[in-house]
Amino acid sequence: MKKTIFSTILIAIFFGLAACGGGEETAETADTTEAEVVDDGVRTIEIIGTDDMKYVVAEAADGLVTGGQAGQNMLLQSIEAAPGEEIRIQLTTVSNLPATAMSHNFALVAMGTDLDAFTRAALTARDNDYISPDFEDQVIAATAMAGNGETVTITFTVPETPGEYDFVCTFPGHFAGGMVGKLIVQ
């Protein structure tokens, strides 16, 4: 009798878990709220957004230029990439503040974009993850906003034209606070 009840419970758990599977994400989905381990050959760069409005990385890696320390992490200054390379940015926010006061994103813009104008216009675009519709045509890739403990991910193809492309957090005040870097395409 005990074996039958135990078997019945195991079968119910198995079917219950199988029923929770849900649909798969489409290729168009750019952002996620959980860190995912993906082994698809795409270079993944794990970035942390901090309360002091900086992009940091936990460890040095090929193609990352760092400078200075931020606690146990290194300040991210730039990312070096080859033209046409596919890159995945995985941004995690670590904060002691609520998301309404401290969230981060990663917005990579076209070469030559006026960052002052871009970030000023972003101030009024709260409902669009602080990306102004007036500047969307200058955005190469951008994540959604991430509050404390959240991770957002974007995969994009590096532009073919060599040069320096800016990336910035568009949350109000973060550009002025120094949350900016360069994608160096060479």
N, C-alpha and C. Protein backbone atom coordinates (compact mmCIF):
# COMPACT_ATOMS: atom_id res chain seq x y z
N MET A 1 0.81 -1.19 0.00
CA MET A 1 0.00 0.00 0.00
C MET A 1 0.87 1.27 0.00
N LYS A 2 1.92 1.27 0.87
CA LYS A 2 2.80 2.44 0.93
C LYS A 2 3.49 2.65 -0.41
N LYS A 3 3.90 1.56 -1.09
CA LYS A 3 4.55 1.69 -2.40
C LYS A 3 3.59 2.30 -3.41
N THR A 4 2.33 1.93 -3.38
CA THR A 4 1.36 2.44 -4.33
C THR A 4 1.14 3.94 -4.11
N ILE A 5 1.00 4.37 -2.86
CA ILE A 5 0.81 5.79 -2.57
C ILE A 5 2.05 6.57 -2.98
N PHE A 6 3.25 6.06 -2.64
CA PHE A 6 4.50 6.71 -3.00
C PHE A 6 4.63 6.82 -4.52
N SER A 7 4.32 5.75 -5.23
CA SER A 7 4.39 5.75 -6.71
C SER A 7 3.41 6.75 -7.28
N THR A 8 2.21 6.79 -6.72
CA THR A 8 1.19 7.72 -7.20
C THR A 8 1.65 9.17 -7.00
N ILE A 9 2.25 9.45 -5.85
CA ILE A 9 2.73 10.80 -5.58
C ILE A 9 3.85 11.17 -6.55
N LEU A 10 4.80 10.27 -6.79
CA LEU A 10 5.89 10.54 -7.73
C LEU A 10 5.36 10.80 -9.14
N ILE A 11 4.39 10.00 -9.56
CA ILE A 11 3.81 10.20 -10.90
C ILE A 11 3.10 11.55 -10.97
N ALA A 12 2.37 11.91 -9.92
CA ALA A 12 1.67 13.20 -9.90
C ALA A 12 2.67 14.36 -9.96
N ILE A 13 3.76 14.26 -9.22
CA ILE A 13 4.78 15.31 -9.25
C ILE A 13 5.38 15.40 -10.64
N PHE A 14 5.71 14.26 -11.25
CA PHE A 14 6.30 14.26 -12.58
C PHE A 14 5.39 14.95 -13.59
N PHE A 15 4.12 14.57 -13.61
CA PHE A 15 3.19 15.17 -14.57
C PHE A 15 2.93 16.64 -14.23
N GLY A 16 2.92 16.98 -12.95
CA GLY A 16 2.74 18.37 -12.56
C GLY A 16 3.88 19.24 -13.04
N LEU A 17 5.10 18.75 -12.90
CA LEU A 17 6.26 19.50 -13.38
C LEU A 17 6.28 19.58 -14.90
N ALA A 18 5.92 18.52 -15.56
CA ALA A 18 5.90 18.52 -17.03
C ALA A 18 4.86 19.49 -17.55
N ALA A 19 3.74 19.63 -16.85
CA ALA A 19 2.68 20.52 -17.30
C ALA A 19 3.06 21.99 -17.14
N CYS A 20 4.02 22.28 -16.28
CA CYS A 20 4.44 23.67 -16.04
C CYS A 20 5.43 24.17 -17.07
N GLY A 21 5.78 23.37 -18.02
CA GLY A 21 6.83 23.70 -18.98
C GLY A 21 6.61 24.99 -19.72
N GLY A 22 5.44 25.25 -20.27
CA GLY A 22 5.18 26.49 -21.00
C GLY A 22 5.86 26.51 -22.34
N GLY A 23 5.69 27.63 -23.07
CA GLY A 23 6.25 27.75 -24.41
C GLY A 23 7.70 28.19 -24.37
N GLU A 24 8.36 28.09 -25.50
CA GLU A 24 9.75 28.51 -25.62
C GLU A 24 9.80 29.98 -26.01
N GLU A 25 10.92 30.65 -25.65
CA GLU A 25 11.10 32.03 -26.06
C GLU A 25 11.45 32.07 -27.53
N THR A 26 11.00 33.13 -28.18
CA THR A 26 11.34 33.29 -29.59
C THR A 26 12.69 33.96 -29.73
N ALA A 27 13.25 33.92 -30.92
CA ALA A 27 14.55 34.53 -31.17
C ALA A 27 14.49 36.05 -31.01
N GLU A 28 13.30 36.63 -31.09
CA GLU A 28 13.16 38.07 -31.00
C GLU A 28 13.24 38.57 -29.56
N THR A 29 13.15 37.67 -28.58
CA THR A 29 13.21 38.08 -27.19
C THR A 29 14.63 38.50 -26.86
N ALA A 30 14.80 39.75 -26.46
CA ALA A 30 16.14 40.28 -26.20
C ALA A 30 16.46 40.31 -24.72
N ASP A 31 15.47 40.44 -23.88
CA ASP A 31 15.73 40.62 -22.46
C ASP A 31 15.17 39.48 -21.65
N THR A 32 15.80 39.22 -20.53
CA THR A 32 15.34 38.21 -19.61
C THR A 32 15.58 38.72 -18.20
N THR A 33 14.88 38.17 -17.23
CA THR A 33 15.06 38.63 -15.87
C THR A 33 15.88 37.64 -15.05
N GLU A 34 16.31 36.55 -15.61
CA GLU A 34 17.14 35.60 -14.90
C GLU A 34 18.41 35.36 -15.68
N ALA A 35 19.50 35.11 -14.95
CA ALA A 35 20.75 34.78 -15.61
C ALA A 35 20.61 33.39 -16.23
N GLU A 36 21.03 33.27 -17.44
CA GLU A 36 20.95 31.99 -18.13
C GLU A 36 22.34 31.57 -18.55
N VAL A 37 22.63 30.29 -18.44
CA VAL A 37 23.89 29.77 -18.92
C VAL A 37 23.65 29.27 -20.33
N VAL A 38 24.32 29.90 -21.28
CA VAL A 38 24.13 29.56 -22.67
C VAL A 38 25.48 29.22 -23.27
N ASP A 39 25.59 28.06 -23.90
CA ASP A 39 26.84 27.65 -24.53
C ASP A 39 26.58 27.54 -26.03
N ASP A 40 26.49 28.70 -26.69
CA ASP A 40 26.19 28.72 -28.11
C ASP A 40 27.30 29.37 -28.93
N GLY A 41 28.47 29.56 -28.32
CA GLY A 41 29.59 30.14 -29.03
C GLY A 41 29.60 31.65 -29.06
N VAL A 42 28.57 32.29 -28.54
CA VAL A 42 28.52 33.76 -28.50
C VAL A 42 29.27 34.23 -27.26
N ARG A 43 30.17 35.20 -27.45
CA ARG A 43 30.92 35.73 -26.30
C ARG A 43 29.95 36.46 -25.38
N THR A 44 29.92 36.03 -24.13
CA THR A 44 29.04 36.63 -23.13
C THR A 44 29.88 37.48 -22.18
N ILE A 45 29.46 38.71 -22.00
CA ILE A 45 30.14 39.64 -21.10
C ILE A 45 29.19 39.93 -19.95
N GLU A 46 29.60 39.53 -18.76
CA GLU A 46 28.78 39.74 -17.57
C GLU A 46 29.18 41.05 -16.90
N ILE A 47 28.24 41.99 -16.89
CA ILE A 47 28.48 43.32 -16.35
C ILE A 47 27.59 43.51 -15.13
N ILE A 48 28.10 44.24 -14.16
CA ILE A 48 27.33 44.55 -12.96
C ILE A 48 27.12 46.06 -12.92
N GLY A 49 25.89 46.48 -12.66
CA GLY A 49 25.57 47.89 -12.45
C GLY A 49 25.49 48.14 -10.96
N THR A 50 26.15 49.18 -10.49
CA THR A 50 26.28 49.41 -9.05
C THR A 50 25.58 50.70 -8.60
N ASP A 51 25.44 50.84 -7.28
CA ASP A 51 24.83 52.04 -6.70
C ASP A 51 25.65 53.30 -6.96
N ASP A 52 26.95 53.16 -7.18
CA ASP A 52 27.75 54.34 -7.46
C ASP A 52 27.77 54.68 -8.95
N MET A 53 26.79 54.14 -9.68
CA MET A 53 26.57 54.45 -11.10
C MET A 53 27.79 54.14 -11.96
N LYS A 54 28.23 52.90 -11.87
CA LYS A 54 29.35 52.42 -12.67
C LYS A 54 29.02 51.05 -13.23
N TYR A 55 29.62 50.77 -14.40
CA TYR A 55 29.62 49.42 -14.93
C TYR A 55 30.89 48.76 -14.40
N VAL A 56 30.77 47.59 -13.80
CA VAL A 56 31.93 46.86 -13.31
C VAL A 56 31.85 45.41 -13.78
N VAL A 57 33.00 44.74 -13.72
CA VAL A 57 33.07 43.31 -14.01
C VAL A 57 33.76 42.62 -12.85
N ALA A 58 33.40 41.39 -12.60
CA ALA A 58 33.96 40.64 -11.48
C ALA A 58 35.38 40.19 -11.75
N GLU A 59 35.70 39.97 -13.02
CA GLU A 59 37.05 39.51 -13.35
C GLU A 59 37.46 40.00 -14.73
N ALA A 60 38.76 40.13 -14.90
CA ALA A 60 39.30 40.55 -16.19
C ALA A 60 39.09 39.42 -17.21
N ALA A 61 38.93 39.81 -18.45
CA ALA A 61 38.77 38.84 -19.53
C ALA A 61 39.32 39.45 -20.81
N ASP A 62 39.67 38.60 -21.76
CA ASP A 62 40.14 39.09 -23.06
C ASP A 62 39.08 40.00 -23.67
N GLY A 63 39.52 41.13 -24.19
CA GLY A 63 38.62 42.04 -24.86
C GLY A 63 37.95 43.04 -23.93
N LEU A 64 38.24 42.98 -22.64
CA LEU A 64 37.69 43.96 -21.70
C LEU A 64 38.82 44.84 -21.20
N VAL A 65 38.62 46.14 -21.25
CA VAL A 65 39.60 47.08 -20.72
C VAL A 65 39.02 47.61 -19.42
N THR A 66 39.74 47.37 -18.33
CA THR A 66 39.28 47.79 -17.01
C THR A 66 40.27 48.80 -16.44
N GLY A 67 39.82 49.54 -15.45
CA GLY A 67 40.70 50.50 -14.80
C GLY A 67 40.15 50.84 -13.43
N GLY A 68 40.94 50.60 -12.43
CA GLY A 68 40.51 50.92 -11.08
C GLY A 68 39.62 49.85 -10.48
N GLN A 69 39.42 49.97 -9.19
CA GLN A 69 38.61 49.02 -8.44
C GLN A 69 37.33 49.68 -7.97
N ALA A 70 36.32 48.89 -7.85
CA ALA A 70 35.06 49.31 -7.25
C ALA A 70 34.66 48.18 -6.30
N GLY A 71 35.10 48.27 -5.06
CA GLY A 71 34.90 47.17 -4.13
C GLY A 71 35.76 46.00 -4.57
N GLN A 72 35.15 44.85 -4.76
CA GLN A 72 35.86 43.66 -5.20
C GLN A 72 35.88 43.54 -6.72
N ASN A 73 35.26 44.48 -7.39
CA ASN A 73 35.13 44.43 -8.85
C ASN A 73 36.04 45.44 -9.53
N MET A 74 36.14 45.32 -10.85
CA MET A 74 36.94 46.24 -11.64
C MET A 74 36.03 47.11 -12.50
N LEU A 75 36.35 48.39 -12.58
CA LEU A 75 35.58 49.31 -13.41
C LEU A 75 35.75 48.93 -14.88
N LEU A 76 34.66 48.86 -15.61
CA LEU A 76 34.70 48.55 -17.04
C LEU A 76 34.81 49.85 -17.82
N GLN A 77 35.88 49.98 -18.60
CA GLN A 77 36.07 51.16 -19.42
C GLN A 77 35.63 50.92 -20.86
N SER A 78 36.03 49.76 -21.41
CA SER A 78 35.66 49.50 -22.80
C SER A 78 35.66 48.01 -23.09
N ILE A 79 35.00 47.70 -24.20
CA ILE A 79 34.92 46.34 -24.72
C ILE A 79 35.51 46.37 -26.11
N GLU A 80 36.46 45.50 -26.37
CA GLU A 80 37.05 45.40 -27.71
C GLU A 80 36.36 44.26 -28.45
N ALA A 81 36.04 44.49 -29.72
CA ALA A 81 35.33 43.49 -30.50
C ALA A 81 35.73 43.57 -31.97
N ALA A 82 35.50 42.49 -32.68
CA ALA A 82 35.77 42.44 -34.11
C ALA A 82 34.50 42.83 -34.87
N PRO A 83 34.66 43.46 -36.03
CA PRO A 83 33.48 43.78 -36.85
C PRO A 83 32.66 42.52 -37.14
N GLY A 84 31.36 42.60 -36.95
CA GLY A 84 30.47 41.49 -37.25
C GLY A 84 30.41 40.41 -36.18
N GLU A 85 31.20 40.56 -35.12
CA GLU A 85 31.18 39.59 -34.01
C GLU A 85 29.82 39.64 -33.31
N GLU A 86 29.37 38.51 -32.84
CA GLU A 86 28.14 38.48 -32.05
C GLU A 86 28.53 38.50 -30.57
N ILE A 87 27.89 39.39 -29.82
CA ILE A 87 28.19 39.56 -28.40
C ILE A 87 26.89 39.51 -27.60
N ARG A 88 26.99 38.93 -26.44
CA ARG A 88 25.87 38.92 -25.50
C ARG A 88 26.29 39.73 -24.27
N ILE A 89 25.50 40.72 -23.93
CA ILE A 89 25.71 41.50 -22.72
C ILE A 89 24.70 41.02 -21.69
N GLN A 90 25.21 40.64 -20.53
CA GLN A 90 24.35 40.20 -19.43
C GLN A 90 24.61 41.17 -18.28
N LEU A 91 23.63 42.03 -18.02
CA LEU A 91 23.77 43.09 -17.03
C LEU A 91 22.94 42.75 -15.79
N THR A 92 23.61 42.72 -14.65
CA THR A 92 22.95 42.48 -13.36
C THR A 92 23.10 43.72 -12.50
N THR A 93 22.01 44.16 -11.91
CA THR A 93 22.06 45.30 -11.00
C THR A 93 22.20 44.80 -9.57
N VAL A 94 23.15 45.39 -8.86
CA VAL A 94 23.35 45.13 -7.44
C VAL A 94 23.16 46.47 -6.74
N SER A 95 22.10 46.56 -5.92
CA SER A 95 21.75 47.85 -5.33
C SER A 95 21.12 47.65 -3.95
N ASN A 96 21.24 48.67 -3.15
CA ASN A 96 20.56 48.71 -1.85
C ASN A 96 19.32 49.58 -1.91
N LEU A 97 18.97 50.04 -3.11
CA LEU A 97 17.85 50.97 -3.29
C LEU A 97 16.72 50.31 -4.08
N PRO A 98 15.50 50.83 -3.96
CA PRO A 98 14.40 50.30 -4.77
C PRO A 98 14.62 50.62 -6.26
N ALA A 99 14.01 49.83 -7.13
CA ALA A 99 14.18 49.99 -8.58
C ALA A 99 13.80 51.38 -9.07
N THR A 100 12.84 52.02 -8.41
CA THR A 100 12.45 53.37 -8.84
C THR A 100 13.54 54.40 -8.58
N ALA A 101 14.46 54.09 -7.67
CA ALA A 101 15.55 55.01 -7.36
C ALA A 101 16.88 54.59 -8.00
N MET A 102 17.03 53.29 -8.31
CA MET A 102 18.30 52.81 -8.86
C MET A 102 18.06 51.59 -9.74
N SER A 103 18.07 51.83 -11.02
CA SER A 103 18.00 50.75 -12.01
C SER A 103 19.05 51.04 -13.06
N HIS A 104 19.42 50.03 -13.82
CA HIS A 104 20.43 50.20 -14.85
C HIS A 104 20.00 49.52 -16.15
N ASN A 105 20.52 50.04 -17.24
CA ASN A 105 20.40 49.38 -18.54
C ASN A 105 21.72 49.53 -19.26
N PHE A 106 21.80 48.96 -20.43
CA PHE A 106 22.97 49.05 -21.30
C PHE A 106 22.45 49.45 -22.66
N ALA A 107 22.82 50.65 -23.11
CA ALA A 107 22.37 51.14 -24.42
C ALA A 107 23.60 51.45 -25.26
N LEU A 108 23.78 50.73 -26.35
CA LEU A 108 24.87 50.94 -27.29
C LEU A 108 24.33 51.78 -28.43
N VAL A 109 25.03 52.89 -28.71
CA VAL A 109 24.52 53.82 -29.72
C VAL A 109 25.47 53.92 -30.90
N ALA A 110 24.94 54.42 -32.00
CA ALA A 110 25.70 54.59 -33.24
C ALA A 110 26.87 55.54 -33.01
N MET A 111 27.92 55.31 -33.78
CA MET A 111 29.10 56.16 -33.71
C MET A 111 28.70 57.60 -34.00
N GLY A 112 29.21 58.54 -33.19
CA GLY A 112 28.92 59.94 -33.40
C GLY A 112 27.66 60.45 -32.74
N THR A 113 26.94 59.59 -32.02
CA THR A 113 25.73 60.05 -31.33
C THR A 113 26.10 61.05 -30.24
N ASP A 114 25.34 62.13 -30.15
CA ASP A 114 25.53 63.14 -29.12
C ASP A 114 24.97 62.58 -27.80
N LEU A 115 25.86 62.09 -26.93
CA LEU A 115 25.40 61.46 -25.69
C LEU A 115 24.68 62.42 -24.76
N ASP A 116 25.08 63.68 -24.75
CA ASP A 116 24.39 64.66 -23.91
C ASP A 116 22.92 64.78 -24.35
N ALA A 117 22.70 64.95 -25.64
CA ALA A 117 21.33 65.08 -26.16
C ALA A 117 20.57 63.77 -25.98
N PHE A 118 21.25 62.66 -26.23
CA PHE A 118 20.62 61.33 -26.10
C PHE A 118 20.13 61.09 -24.67
N THR A 119 20.98 61.36 -23.68
CA THR A 119 20.58 61.11 -22.29
C THR A 119 19.61 62.16 -21.76
N ARG A 120 19.69 63.39 -22.25
CA ARG A 120 18.70 64.42 -21.86
C ARG A 120 17.31 64.02 -22.35
N ALA A 121 17.24 63.56 -23.60
CA ALA A 121 15.95 63.14 -24.15
C ALA A 121 15.42 61.90 -23.43
N ALA A 122 16.32 61.07 -22.92
CA ALA A 122 15.92 59.84 -22.22
C ALA A 122 15.17 60.14 -20.92
N LEU A 123 15.41 61.31 -20.33
CA LEU A 123 14.78 61.67 -19.06
C LEU A 123 13.26 61.59 -19.11
N THR A 124 12.69 61.86 -20.27
CA THR A 124 11.23 61.88 -20.41
C THR A 124 10.66 60.57 -20.95
N ALA A 125 11.49 59.55 -21.08
CA ALA A 125 11.06 58.30 -21.71
C ALA A 125 11.00 57.14 -20.71
N ARG A 126 10.49 57.41 -19.53
CA ARG A 126 10.41 56.37 -18.48
C ARG A 126 9.67 55.13 -18.96
N ASP A 127 8.57 55.33 -19.69
CA ASP A 127 7.76 54.20 -20.14
C ASP A 127 8.42 53.40 -21.27
N ASN A 128 9.54 53.88 -21.76
CA ASN A 128 10.27 53.20 -22.85
C ASN A 128 11.68 52.83 -22.38
N ASP A 129 11.80 52.45 -21.10
CA ASP A 129 13.10 52.10 -20.50
C ASP A 129 14.13 53.21 -20.69
N TYR A 130 13.67 54.44 -20.61
CA TYR A 130 14.52 55.63 -20.72
C TYR A 130 15.31 55.67 -22.04
N ILE A 131 14.67 55.23 -23.10
CA ILE A 131 15.21 55.41 -24.46
C ILE A 131 14.20 56.29 -25.19
N SER A 132 14.59 57.50 -25.53
CA SER A 132 13.68 58.43 -26.19
C SER A 132 13.33 57.93 -27.58
N PRO A 133 12.04 57.94 -27.94
CA PRO A 133 11.65 57.57 -29.31
C PRO A 133 12.35 58.43 -30.37
N ASP A 134 12.72 59.66 -30.01
CA ASP A 134 13.41 60.54 -30.96
C ASP A 134 14.81 60.06 -31.30
N PHE A 135 15.37 59.16 -30.47
CA PHE A 135 16.73 58.68 -30.69
C PHE A 135 16.80 57.17 -30.95
N GLU A 136 15.65 56.50 -31.05
CA GLU A 136 15.67 55.05 -31.24
C GLU A 136 16.44 54.63 -32.48
N ASP A 137 16.46 55.47 -33.51
CA ASP A 137 17.19 55.11 -34.73
C ASP A 137 18.71 55.13 -34.53
N GLN A 138 19.17 55.68 -33.42
CA GLN A 138 20.61 55.71 -33.13
C GLN A 138 21.04 54.60 -32.17
N VAL A 139 20.08 53.80 -31.71
CA VAL A 139 20.37 52.71 -30.78
C VAL A 139 20.68 51.44 -31.56
N ILE A 140 21.86 50.87 -31.30
CA ILE A 140 22.25 49.60 -31.92
C ILE A 140 21.68 48.45 -31.11
N ALA A 141 21.79 48.55 -29.79
CA ALA A 141 21.26 47.50 -28.90
C ALA A 141 21.00 48.13 -27.54
N ALA A 142 19.95 47.68 -26.87
CA ALA A 142 19.65 48.20 -25.53
C ALA A 142 18.88 47.15 -24.74
N THR A 143 19.23 47.04 -23.48
CA THR A 143 18.48 46.16 -22.59
C THR A 143 17.34 46.94 -21.97
N ALA A 144 16.46 46.22 -21.31
CA ALA A 144 15.45 46.84 -20.46
C ALA A 144 16.15 47.30 -19.18
N MET A 145 15.45 48.01 -18.34
CA MET A 145 15.98 48.42 -17.04
C MET A 145 15.97 47.21 -16.10
N ALA A 146 16.97 47.16 -15.22
CA ALA A 146 17.06 46.10 -14.23
C ALA A 146 17.25 46.71 -12.85
N GLY A 147 16.38 46.35 -11.92
CA GLY A 147 16.51 46.78 -10.53
C GLY A 147 17.36 45.79 -9.76
N ASN A 148 17.50 46.00 -8.48
CA ASN A 148 18.35 45.15 -7.64
C ASN A 148 18.04 43.67 -7.81
N GLY A 149 19.09 42.91 -8.08
CA GLY A 149 18.96 41.46 -8.21
C GLY A 149 18.45 40.99 -9.55
N GLU A 150 18.08 41.90 -10.43
CA GLU A 150 17.58 41.52 -11.75
C GLU A 150 18.72 41.50 -12.76
N THR A 151 18.58 40.61 -13.74
CA THR A 151 19.54 40.50 -14.82
C THR A 151 18.80 40.63 -16.14
N VAL A 152 19.34 41.46 -17.03
CA VAL A 152 18.79 41.61 -18.38
C VAL A 152 19.89 41.25 -19.37
N THR A 153 19.48 40.70 -20.48
CA THR A 153 20.44 40.21 -21.47
C THR A 153 20.05 40.68 -22.85
N ILE A 154 21.06 41.04 -23.63
CA ILE A 154 20.85 41.40 -25.03
C ILE A 154 21.98 40.78 -25.85
N THR A 155 21.63 40.21 -26.99
CA THR A 155 22.61 39.68 -27.93
C THR A 155 22.52 40.51 -29.19
N PHE A 156 23.67 40.95 -29.70
CA PHE A 156 23.67 41.79 -30.89
C PHE A 156 24.91 41.52 -31.72
N THR A 157 24.86 41.97 -32.96
CA THR A 157 26.00 41.87 -33.86
C THR A 157 26.74 43.20 -33.85
N VAL A 158 28.04 43.12 -33.62
CA VAL A 158 28.90 44.31 -33.59
C VAL A 158 28.87 44.96 -34.98
N PRO A 159 28.79 46.30 -35.04
CA PRO A 159 28.80 46.98 -36.33
C PRO A 159 30.05 46.61 -37.15
N GLU A 160 29.90 46.63 -38.47
CA GLU A 160 30.99 46.31 -39.38
C GLU A 160 32.02 47.43 -39.49
N THR A 161 31.60 48.65 -39.23
CA THR A 161 32.50 49.80 -39.37
C THR A 161 33.38 49.93 -38.14
N PRO A 162 34.73 49.86 -38.33
CA PRO A 162 35.63 50.03 -37.19
C PRO A 162 35.48 51.42 -36.59
N GLY A 163 35.73 51.51 -35.30
CA GLY A 163 35.65 52.79 -34.61
C GLY A 163 35.21 52.60 -33.17
N GLU A 164 34.88 53.71 -32.52
CA GLU A 164 34.45 53.69 -31.13
C GLU A 164 32.97 54.04 -31.03
N TYR A 165 32.23 53.16 -30.38
CA TYR A 165 30.80 53.32 -30.16
C TYR A 165 30.57 53.43 -28.66
N ASP A 166 29.76 54.39 -28.25
CA ASP A 166 29.50 54.59 -26.83
C ASP A 166 28.40 53.65 -26.35
N PHE A 167 28.55 53.20 -25.09
CA PHE A 167 27.42 52.57 -24.40
C PHE A 167 27.22 53.33 -23.10
N VAL A 168 25.97 53.38 -22.66
CA VAL A 168 25.61 54.24 -21.54
C VAL A 168 24.39 53.68 -20.83
N CYS A 169 24.29 53.98 -19.54
CA CYS A 169 23.06 53.72 -18.80
C CYS A 169 22.21 54.97 -18.93
N THR A 170 20.95 54.81 -19.34
CA THR A 170 20.09 55.96 -19.59
C THR A 170 19.19 56.32 -18.41
N PHE A 171 19.32 55.59 -17.28
CA PHE A 171 18.55 55.96 -16.10
C PHE A 171 18.96 57.38 -15.70
N PRO A 172 18.00 58.24 -15.30
CA PRO A 172 18.32 59.64 -15.01
C PRO A 172 19.52 59.82 -14.08
N GLY A 173 20.46 60.64 -14.54
CA GLY A 173 21.64 60.98 -13.76
C GLY A 173 22.82 60.04 -13.91
N HIS A 174 22.62 58.88 -14.50
CA HIS A 174 23.70 57.90 -14.53
C HIS A 174 24.79 58.24 -15.55
N PHE A 175 24.43 58.84 -16.67
CA PHE A 175 25.45 59.29 -17.61
C PHE A 175 26.32 60.36 -16.96
N ALA A 176 25.69 61.31 -16.30
CA ALA A 176 26.44 62.37 -15.60
C ALA A 176 27.31 61.78 -14.50
N GLY A 177 26.87 60.67 -13.91
CA GLY A 177 27.63 60.01 -12.85
C GLY A 177 28.76 59.15 -13.38
N GLY A 178 28.88 59.04 -14.69
CA GLY A 178 30.00 58.29 -15.28
C GLY A 178 29.68 56.88 -15.71
N MET A 179 28.41 56.53 -15.83
CA MET A 179 28.06 55.17 -16.24
C MET A 179 28.03 55.11 -17.77
N VAL A 180 29.22 55.06 -18.32
CA VAL A 180 29.42 55.11 -19.77
C VAL A 180 30.69 54.33 -20.09
N GLY A 181 30.77 53.83 -21.30
CA GLY A 181 31.97 53.13 -21.77
C GLY A 181 32.00 53.13 -23.28
N LYS A 182 32.98 52.43 -23.82
CA LYS A 182 33.15 52.38 -25.29
C LYS A 182 33.19 50.95 -25.76
N LEU A 183 32.58 50.71 -26.91
CA LEU A 183 32.76 49.47 -27.67
C LEU A 183 33.76 49.85 -28.75
N ILE A 184 34.93 49.26 -28.71
CA ILE A 184 35.97 49.55 -29.68
C ILE A 184 35.99 48.44 -30.73
N VAL A 185 35.61 48.80 -31.94
CA VAL A 185 35.53 47.83 -33.02
C VAL A 185 36.81 47.96 -33.85
N GLN A 186 37.59 46.86 -33.92
CA GLN A 186 38.84 46.89 -34.66
C GLN A 186 39.13 45.55 -35.29
